[in-house]
Amino acid sequence: MSEVRLAAEQRTEFGKGAARRTRRAGKIPAVLYGHGSDPKHLALPALEFARVVREHGQNAVLTLAIEGGSELALTKTVTTHPIKNYIEHVDLLLVQRGEKVTVDIPVVITGEPASGTLVTQDATTISVEADALNIPEQVELSIEGKEAGTQIHAGDLELPAGSTLATDAEALIVAVNEAPSASQLEGDEAAAEAPEATDES
């Protein structure tokens, strides 16, 4: 994952009112913490940060230019408004070059299973440990030609070089089951539509 440079300002006002003023000014309230240092309250440029998340994902590593200096940070948590979908707040984790970090990355399914099967994805992400400046964007899982009864666990995934699995190796990722027949589906629909029995006594 590439490193992205972003200008940041230190915030001196705190609380909901201050956060609203920060957002009205086109910036996002953020907190930078880690390595035993005191948390730094920052304001990030909203449009630029949204573009970073869109292009590099939520595990983006940022070089933050702060008051003449710079800090290396991992985007840890992005909080978005539940209705209006704008970014409300960001938590950033201070990291160092060569440091290992544990992050969640998406599991992307590729390929088509055997005919007559149904695929269930139990987990859409896994946790991996990787170099802070070499976090994989995703891990791909091919289900090409997989037969009914196939189960793929976290330990079966082929991880990118330099990454190690942090999720339980026995965690189920994908199950390939036999697809229900048309008659089974019709039976299920009929059972769902049948009126409930009433006790008239």
Protein backbone atom coordinates (compact mmCIF):
# COMPACT_ATOMS: atom_id res chain seq x y z
CA MET A 1 0.00 0.00 0.00
CA SER A 2 1.41 3.36 -1.01
CA GLU A 3 2.21 6.15 1.41
CA VAL A 4 0.14 9.33 1.05
CA ARG A 5 1.16 12.81 2.18
CA LEU A 6 -1.53 14.96 3.78
CA ALA A 7 -1.46 18.35 5.50
CA ALA A 8 -2.94 18.45 9.01
CA GLU A 9 -3.61 21.20 11.52
CA GLN A 10 -3.56 20.92 15.30
CA ARG A 11 -6.92 21.62 16.97
CA THR A 12 -7.14 23.70 20.12
CA GLU A 13 -10.95 23.53 20.53
CA PHE A 14 -12.74 20.36 21.59
CA GLY A 15 -16.31 19.14 22.05
CA LYS A 16 -19.29 18.74 19.72
CA GLY A 17 -19.56 22.43 18.91
CA ALA A 18 -15.89 22.66 17.98
CA ALA A 19 -16.20 19.49 15.86
CA ARG A 20 -19.14 21.00 13.96
CA ARG A 21 -17.16 24.19 13.31
CA THR A 22 -14.24 22.10 12.06
CA ARG A 23 -16.50 20.23 9.63
CA ARG A 24 -18.14 23.47 8.44
CA ALA A 25 -14.63 24.70 7.56
CA GLY A 26 -14.19 21.71 5.24
CA LYS A 27 -12.06 19.69 7.64
CA ILE A 28 -12.45 16.44 9.60
CA PRO A 29 -11.74 16.18 13.36
CA ALA A 30 -9.10 13.51 14.01
CA VAL A 31 -7.06 12.13 16.90
CA LEU A 32 -3.52 10.76 16.49
CA TYR A 33 -2.34 8.40 19.25
CA GLY A 34 0.11 5.58 19.91
CA HIS A 35 3.63 4.72 21.11
CA GLY A 36 2.82 6.10 24.57
CA SER A 37 2.62 9.69 23.32
CA ASP A 38 -0.10 12.15 24.30
CA PRO A 39 -2.99 12.14 21.79
CA LYS A 40 -2.82 14.91 19.20
CA HIS A 41 -6.09 16.52 18.15
CA LEU A 42 -5.94 17.30 14.44
CA ALA A 43 -8.04 18.63 11.58
CA LEU A 44 -7.65 16.90 8.21
CA PRO A 45 -8.73 18.34 4.83
CA ALA A 46 -12.09 16.62 4.19
CA LEU A 47 -11.99 16.28 0.39
CA GLU A 48 -8.38 15.10 0.26
CA PHE A 49 -8.87 12.56 3.06
CA ALA A 50 -12.08 11.20 1.49
CA ARG A 51 -10.17 10.71 -1.76
CA VAL A 52 -7.40 8.83 0.09
CA VAL A 53 -9.94 6.44 1.66
CA ARG A 54 -11.69 5.97 -1.69
CA GLU A 55 -8.45 5.22 -3.58
CA HIS A 56 -6.40 3.42 -0.90
CA GLY A 57 -8.99 2.02 1.52
CA GLN A 58 -9.31 2.51 5.27
CA ASN A 59 -5.86 1.02 5.93
CA ALA A 60 -4.21 3.95 4.17
CA VAL A 61 -0.85 5.01 5.63
CA LEU A 62 -0.47 8.79 5.84
CA THR A 63 2.54 11.04 6.16
CA LEU A 64 0.99 13.90 8.10
CA ALA A 65 2.61 17.32 7.70
CA ILE A 66 2.02 18.99 11.10
CA GLU A 67 3.45 22.40 11.93
CA GLY A 68 6.72 22.00 10.09
CA GLY A 69 7.25 18.38 11.11
CA SER A 70 5.78 15.08 9.92
CA GLU A 71 4.30 11.95 11.49
CA LEU A 72 3.62 8.54 9.97
CA ALA A 73 0.10 7.31 10.76
CA LEU A 74 -2.21 4.43 9.97
CA THR A 75 -5.89 5.16 9.42
CA LYS A 76 -7.41 3.09 12.23
CA THR A 77 -11.11 4.07 12.41
CA VAL A 78 -13.25 6.18 10.10
CA THR A 79 -16.64 7.21 11.53
CA THR A 80 -19.25 8.26 8.97
CA HIS A 81 -22.64 9.90 9.50
CA PRO A 82 -25.30 7.12 9.40
CA ILE A 83 -27.65 9.10 7.15
CA LYS A 84 -25.70 11.81 5.35
CA ASN A 85 -22.66 9.56 4.78
CA TYR A 86 -19.99 12.21 5.35
CA ILE A 87 -16.91 11.46 7.46
CA GLU A 88 -17.49 12.66 11.04
CA HIS A 89 -14.27 11.65 12.77
CA VAL A 90 -11.02 9.76 12.20
CA ASP A 91 -8.76 7.87 14.61
CA LEU A 92 -5.13 7.65 13.49
CA LEU A 93 -2.46 5.34 14.90
CA LEU A 94 1.12 6.58 15.09
CA VAL A 95 3.47 4.07 13.40
CA GLN A 96 7.17 3.81 12.62
CA ARG A 97 8.95 2.55 9.52
CA GLY A 98 9.59 -1.18 9.81
CA GLU A 99 6.91 -1.60 12.48
CA LYS A 100 4.44 -4.48 12.27
CA VAL A 101 0.75 -3.67 12.64
CA THR A 102 -2.40 -5.81 12.80
CA VAL A 103 -5.16 -4.76 10.41
CA ASP A 104 -8.35 -6.15 8.85
CA ILE A 105 -8.26 -6.66 5.08
CA PRO A 106 -11.08 -7.73 2.72
CA VAL A 107 -11.40 -11.27 1.39
CA VAL A 108 -12.40 -11.08 -2.29
CA ILE A 109 -13.91 -14.19 -3.89
CA THR A 110 -13.01 -14.94 -7.51
CA GLY A 111 -14.07 -17.66 -9.96
CA GLU A 112 -17.19 -19.80 -10.29
CA PRO A 113 -17.91 -22.96 -8.24
CA ALA A 114 -19.10 -26.25 -9.72
CA SER A 115 -22.57 -26.30 -11.27
CA GLY A 116 -25.46 -26.83 -8.86
CA THR A 117 -23.74 -25.30 -5.85
CA LEU A 118 -24.41 -22.33 -3.59
CA VAL A 119 -21.58 -20.31 -2.02
CA THR A 120 -21.86 -18.81 1.47
CA GLN A 121 -19.19 -16.32 2.60
CA ASP A 122 -19.01 -16.44 6.40
CA ALA A 123 -16.27 -13.80 6.76
CA THR A 124 -15.65 -10.82 4.48
CA THR A 125 -12.41 -9.75 6.24
CA ILE A 126 -9.48 -11.37 8.02
CA SER A 127 -6.89 -9.91 10.37
CA VAL A 128 -3.26 -10.00 9.29
CA GLU A 129 0.01 -8.72 10.68
CA ALA A 130 2.09 -6.81 8.16
CA ASP A 131 4.69 -4.08 7.83
CA ALA A 132 3.01 -0.70 8.34
CA LEU A 133 4.22 0.46 4.93
CA ASN A 134 3.35 -2.77 3.13
CA ILE A 135 -0.24 -3.50 4.14
CA PRO A 136 -2.01 -5.63 1.51
CA GLU A 137 -5.18 -4.10 0.09
CA GLN A 138 -6.99 -7.46 -0.03
CA VAL A 139 -6.57 -11.21 -0.23
CA GLU A 140 -8.14 -13.14 -3.11
CA LEU A 141 -9.82 -16.51 -2.71
CA SER A 142 -10.55 -18.56 -5.83
CA ILE A 143 -13.55 -20.87 -5.68
CA GLU A 144 -13.19 -21.92 -9.32
CA GLY A 145 -14.71 -25.40 -9.80
CA LYS A 146 -15.17 -26.04 -6.06
CA GLU A 147 -17.60 -28.87 -5.37
CA ALA A 148 -20.44 -29.01 -2.84
CA GLY A 149 -19.11 -29.81 0.63
CA THR A 150 -15.99 -27.66 0.24
CA GLN A 151 -15.08 -25.52 3.24
CA ILE A 152 -12.28 -22.97 3.15
CA HIS A 153 -10.84 -21.71 6.45
CA ALA A 154 -8.65 -18.72 7.22
CA GLY A 155 -5.58 -20.96 7.42
CA ASP A 156 -6.21 -22.11 3.83
CA LEU A 157 -5.84 -18.60 2.39
CA GLU A 158 -2.73 -17.67 0.43
CA LEU A 159 -1.56 -14.44 2.03
CA PRO A 160 0.52 -11.77 0.28
CA ALA A 161 4.28 -11.94 0.92
CA GLY A 162 5.28 -10.37 4.24
CA SER A 163 1.87 -10.91 5.87
CA THR A 164 1.01 -13.41 8.61
CA LEU A 165 -2.45 -14.52 9.71
CA ALA A 166 -3.80 -13.01 12.94
CA THR A 167 -7.32 -14.45 12.61
CA ASP A 168 -7.93 -17.95 14.05
CA ALA A 169 -6.78 -20.38 11.34
CA GLU A 170 -9.90 -22.50 11.89
CA ALA A 171 -12.29 -19.58 11.23
CA LEU A 172 -14.64 -20.49 8.36
CA ILE A 173 -14.38 -18.12 5.39
CA VAL A 174 -16.40 -19.82 2.65
CA ALA A 175 -18.66 -22.87 2.42
CA VAL A 176 -19.78 -24.40 -0.88
CA ASN A 177 -23.08 -26.20 -0.49
CA GLU A 178 -25.42 -28.05 -2.80
CA ALA A 179 -27.95 -25.63 -4.27
CA PRO A 180 -31.59 -26.40 -3.38
CA SER A 181 -33.67 -27.89 -6.18
CA ALA A 182 -36.67 -26.15 -7.71
CA SER A 183 -39.04 -28.56 -5.92
CA GLN A 184 -37.36 -27.81 -2.58
CA LEU A 185 -37.72 -24.09 -3.17
CA GLU A 186 -41.39 -24.53 -4.09
CA GLY A 187 -41.93 -26.56 -0.92
CA ASP A 188 -40.32 -23.84 1.19
CA GLU A 189 -42.49 -21.17 -0.44
CA ALA A 190 -45.65 -23.23 0.10
CA ALA A 191 -44.76 -23.75 3.77
CA ALA A 192 -44.16 -20.02 4.21
CA GLU A 193 -47.49 -19.13 2.60
CA ALA A 194 -49.56 -21.76 4.46
CA PRO A 195 -51.95 -20.21 7.05
CA GLU A 196 -51.10 -20.90 10.65
CA ALA A 197 -53.29 -23.46 12.40
CA THR A 198 -55.66 -21.91 14.95
CA ASP A 199 -57.00 -23.52 18.09
CA GLU A 200 -60.79 -23.22 17.86
CA SER A 201 -61.57 -25.19 21.04
